[in-house]
Protein backbone atom coordinates (compact mmCIF):
# COMPACT_ATOMS: atom_id res chain seq x y z
CA UNK A 1 195.67 -1.96 61.69
CA UNK A 2 194.80 -5.23 59.93
CA UNK A 3 192.55 -7.61 61.82
CA UNK A 4 190.23 -10.55 61.27
CA UNK A 5 186.66 -9.30 60.74
CA UNK A 6 184.72 -12.38 59.63
CA UNK A 7 182.64 -14.60 61.93
CA UNK A 8 184.92 -16.15 64.55
CA UNK A 9 182.68 -19.22 64.88
CA UNK A 10 183.97 -20.28 61.47
CA UNK A 11 187.46 -20.48 62.96
CA UNK A 12 186.32 -22.95 65.62
CA UNK A 13 184.54 -25.05 63.00
CA UNK A 14 187.67 -24.99 60.83
CA UNK A 15 189.82 -26.07 63.79
CA UNK A 16 187.40 -28.77 64.83
CA UNK A 17 187.23 -27.70 68.47
CA UNK A 18 185.93 -24.95 70.72
CA UNK A 19 188.57 -22.19 71.02
CA UNK A 20 186.47 -19.91 73.29
CA UNK A 21 186.96 -16.93 70.99
CA UNK A 22 183.81 -15.25 72.35
CA UNK A 23 184.53 -15.95 76.00
CA UNK A 24 181.58 -17.06 78.13
CA UNK A 25 179.22 -16.82 75.13
CA UNK A 26 180.87 -19.96 73.76
CA UNK A 27 179.79 -22.05 76.76
CA UNK A 28 176.03 -22.10 76.18
CA UNK A 29 175.66 -20.79 72.63
CA UNK A 30 178.35 -22.40 70.51
CA UNK A 31 177.87 -22.86 66.79
CA UNK A 32 180.21 -25.87 66.90
CA UNK A 33 177.63 -27.75 68.98
CA UNK A 34 175.10 -27.32 66.17
CA UNK A 35 177.35 -27.52 63.09
CA UNK A 36 180.52 -29.51 63.60
CA UNK A 37 181.48 -29.67 59.93
CA UNK A 38 184.15 -27.23 58.75
CA UNK A 39 182.97 -24.27 56.63
CA UNK A 40 183.08 -24.47 52.86
CA UNK A 41 182.08 -27.09 50.31
CA UNK A 42 181.87 -30.61 51.73
CA UNK A 43 182.90 -33.88 50.14
CA UNK A 44 180.16 -36.23 49.01
CA UNK A 45 178.89 -38.75 51.54
CA UNK A 46 180.96 -41.86 51.95
CA UNK A 47 184.26 -40.13 51.24
CA UNK A 48 186.56 -39.43 54.16
CA UNK A 49 188.96 -36.54 54.05
CA UNK A 50 192.25 -37.49 55.67
CA UNK A 51 194.67 -34.70 56.50
CA UNK A 52 198.32 -35.15 55.60
CA UNK A 53 201.05 -34.57 58.16
CA UNK A 54 201.55 -31.14 56.63
CA UNK A 55 197.84 -30.45 56.96
CA UNK A 56 197.84 -31.45 60.63
CA UNK A 57 200.80 -29.17 61.29
CA UNK A 58 199.02 -26.31 59.54
CA UNK A 59 195.90 -26.91 61.62
CA UNK A 60 197.89 -26.67 64.87
CA UNK A 61 199.56 -23.46 63.70
CA UNK A 62 196.23 -21.94 62.75
CA UNK A 63 194.68 -22.92 66.09
CA UNK A 64 197.46 -21.03 67.89
CA UNK A 65 196.90 -17.97 65.69
CA UNK A 66 193.13 -18.04 66.11
CA UNK A 67 193.33 -18.52 69.88
CA UNK A 68 195.52 -15.47 70.45
CA UNK A 69 194.12 -13.40 67.59
CA UNK A 70 197.45 -13.00 65.79
CA UNK A 71 197.85 -12.41 62.07
CA UNK A 72 200.28 -14.53 60.04
CA UNK A 73 203.02 -11.89 59.73
CA UNK A 74 202.94 -11.21 63.47
CA UNK A 75 202.98 -14.93 64.18
CA UNK A 76 206.05 -15.47 61.99
CA UNK A 77 207.89 -12.71 63.87
CA UNK A 78 207.02 -14.29 67.21
CA UNK A 79 208.18 -17.68 65.93
CA UNK A 80 211.49 -16.20 64.76
CA UNK A 81 211.95 -14.61 68.18
CA UNK A 82 211.18 -17.94 69.87
CA UNK A 83 213.78 -19.67 67.69
CA UNK A 84 216.48 -17.21 68.76
CA UNK A 85 215.86 -17.89 72.45
CA UNK A 86 217.46 -20.71 74.37
CA UNK A 87 215.28 -23.71 75.10
CA UNK A 88 212.49 -25.46 73.24
CA UNK A 89 211.13 -23.30 70.41
CA UNK A 90 207.51 -24.47 70.75
CA UNK A 91 207.46 -23.67 74.47
CA UNK A 92 209.19 -20.32 73.90
CA UNK A 93 206.50 -19.44 71.36
CA UNK A 94 203.71 -20.25 73.79
CA UNK A 95 205.28 -18.11 76.51
CA UNK A 96 205.74 -15.17 74.12
CA UNK A 97 202.07 -15.30 73.12
CA UNK A 98 201.02 -15.42 76.78
CA UNK A 99 203.11 -12.34 77.51
CA UNK A 100 201.18 -10.17 75.04
CA UNK A 101 199.45 -7.31 76.85
CA UNK A 102 196.03 -8.11 75.41
CA UNK A 103 196.34 -11.69 76.64
CA UNK A 104 197.39 -10.55 80.12
CA UNK A 105 194.39 -8.19 80.28
CA UNK A 106 192.21 -11.19 79.39
CA UNK A 107 193.94 -13.48 81.89
CA UNK A 108 193.39 -10.92 84.67
CA UNK A 109 189.67 -11.06 84.02
CA UNK A 110 189.41 -7.48 82.76
CA UNK A 111 187.81 -8.79 79.54
CA UNK A 112 185.64 -11.74 78.62
CA UNK A 113 187.71 -12.64 75.55
CA UNK A 114 191.05 -11.79 74.01
CA UNK A 115 189.39 -9.76 71.26
CA UNK A 116 187.61 -7.66 73.87
CA UNK A 117 190.89 -7.25 75.77
CA UNK A 118 192.59 -6.12 72.55
CA UNK A 119 189.88 -3.50 72.08
CA UNK A 120 190.34 -2.20 75.64
CA UNK A 121 194.07 -1.76 75.01
CA UNK A 122 193.63 -0.13 71.61
CA UNK A 123 191.13 2.36 73.03
CA UNK A 124 193.62 3.46 75.67
CA UNK A 125 191.84 2.18 78.78
CA UNK A 126 194.82 0.18 80.09
CA UNK A 127 197.95 1.44 81.84
CA UNK A 128 201.22 -0.49 81.84
CA UNK A 129 203.50 0.54 84.70
CA UNK A 130 201.55 3.77 85.08
CA UNK A 131 201.75 4.69 81.39
CA UNK A 132 198.97 4.42 78.85
CA UNK A 133 199.71 2.03 76.01
CA UNK A 134 197.55 1.17 73.02
CA UNK A 135 199.75 -1.63 71.65
CA UNK A 136 198.10 -5.04 72.27
CA UNK A 137 201.23 -6.95 71.15
CA UNK A 138 203.45 -5.31 73.78
CA UNK A 139 205.21 -8.02 75.82
CA UNK A 140 204.96 -7.74 79.60
CA UNK A 141 207.91 -8.45 81.89
CA UNK A 142 208.26 -9.68 85.43
CA UNK A 143 207.03 -7.13 88.04
CA UNK A 144 205.04 -5.16 85.45
CA UNK A 145 201.75 -3.70 86.72
CA UNK A 146 198.57 -3.48 84.66
CA UNK A 147 195.92 -0.99 85.74
CA UNK A 148 193.12 1.19 84.40
CA UNK A 149 193.36 4.76 83.19
CA UNK A 150 191.78 7.07 85.76
CA UNK A 151 189.12 8.34 83.37
CA UNK A 152 188.19 4.76 82.42
CA UNK A 153 187.27 3.93 86.03
CA UNK A 154 184.21 6.15 85.60
CA UNK A 155 182.79 4.11 82.72
CA UNK A 156 179.82 1.78 83.09
CA UNK A 157 181.96 -1.14 81.90
CA UNK A 158 184.46 -0.63 84.73
CA UNK A 159 181.69 -0.35 87.33
CA UNK A 160 180.13 -3.62 86.17
CA UNK A 161 183.55 -5.29 86.12
CA UNK A 162 184.20 -4.20 89.72
CA UNK A 163 181.03 -6.04 90.75
CA UNK A 164 181.86 -9.29 88.97
CA UNK A 165 185.65 -9.48 89.36
CA UNK A 166 185.38 -11.23 92.75
CA UNK A 167 184.19 -14.44 91.10
CA UNK A 168 187.14 -14.56 88.70
CA UNK A 169 190.46 -16.29 89.28
CA UNK A 170 193.87 -15.66 87.75
CA UNK A 171 196.75 -17.92 86.82
CA UNK A 172 199.60 -18.50 89.24
CA UNK A 173 202.05 -16.24 87.39
CA UNK A 174 199.75 -13.24 87.87
CA UNK A 175 198.29 -11.48 90.89
CA UNK A 176 195.22 -9.27 91.07
CA UNK A 177 194.16 -6.61 93.55
CA UNK A 178 190.40 -7.06 93.14
CA UNK A 179 189.56 -3.98 95.16
CA UNK A 180 191.53 -1.59 92.96
CA UNK A 181 191.56 -3.74 89.79
CA UNK A 182 195.34 -3.67 89.50
CA UNK A 183 197.21 -6.70 88.19
CA UNK A 184 200.87 -7.62 88.46
CA UNK A 185 203.14 -10.05 86.65
CA UNK A 186 204.67 -12.10 89.49
CA UNK A 187 206.84 -14.17 87.16
CA UNK A 188 207.03 -15.07 83.51
CA UNK A 189 204.64 -17.90 82.55
CA UNK A 190 205.84 -21.43 81.98
CA UNK A 191 204.25 -23.99 79.62
CA UNK A 192 202.84 -25.79 82.68
CA UNK A 193 200.92 -22.64 83.64
CA UNK A 194 199.12 -22.52 80.30
CA UNK A 195 196.41 -24.85 79.00
CA UNK A 196 197.37 -24.89 75.33
CA UNK A 197 194.84 -26.18 72.78
CA UNK A 198 197.55 -26.79 70.19
CA UNK A 199 200.82 -28.68 69.82
CA UNK A 200 203.89 -26.44 69.78
CA UNK A 201 205.99 -29.24 68.31
CA UNK A 202 203.75 -29.39 65.22
CA UNK A 203 204.13 -25.63 64.71
CA UNK A 204 207.92 -25.97 64.79
CA UNK A 205 207.74 -28.81 62.26
CA UNK A 206 205.50 -26.72 60.01
CA UNK A 207 207.97 -23.83 59.83
CA UNK A 208 210.99 -26.17 59.60
CA UNK A 209 210.12 -27.30 56.07
């Protein structure tokens, strides 16, 4: 399976803002705080680089991809699906990305970052409605339950998580049984439930050309 393997801190520098791609590690040890310039060759001093409208739209699209860890081909498929749905395409796209299983595992507090959540799913630790699934892009539905495989509850990671889960909170569209580490999708997310770091309208404009 194709995936991004380079340093993720470069993605934050390229986006110009902290995307929290390493979870809590980004709070106190963020490369962006030390080097705010984007990666690559810089213009000479005194010259200002102004992004065109197309460039700004591309930046917003890339921020969405980086945040959720989605490759370009996957992102295009999600965008096409969002276009076919009724309503505002940009908001539909945001909801579809939030419904990804790896994102839900992250939102429940089972992982410190989306990349870690994706790894948990791919390694078969997560159960969806009582069945093991290793597909991070699987879209959850209302009333779906997310739990741990029985064998995975004996791992050191799970035992540490059980001790720290009490301090974590979940979004309003999810519920979490902190004693048994079982999550449930109460309802589908809405744009108001999600703190997006990108503009959905700009993404729509980018693909509309």
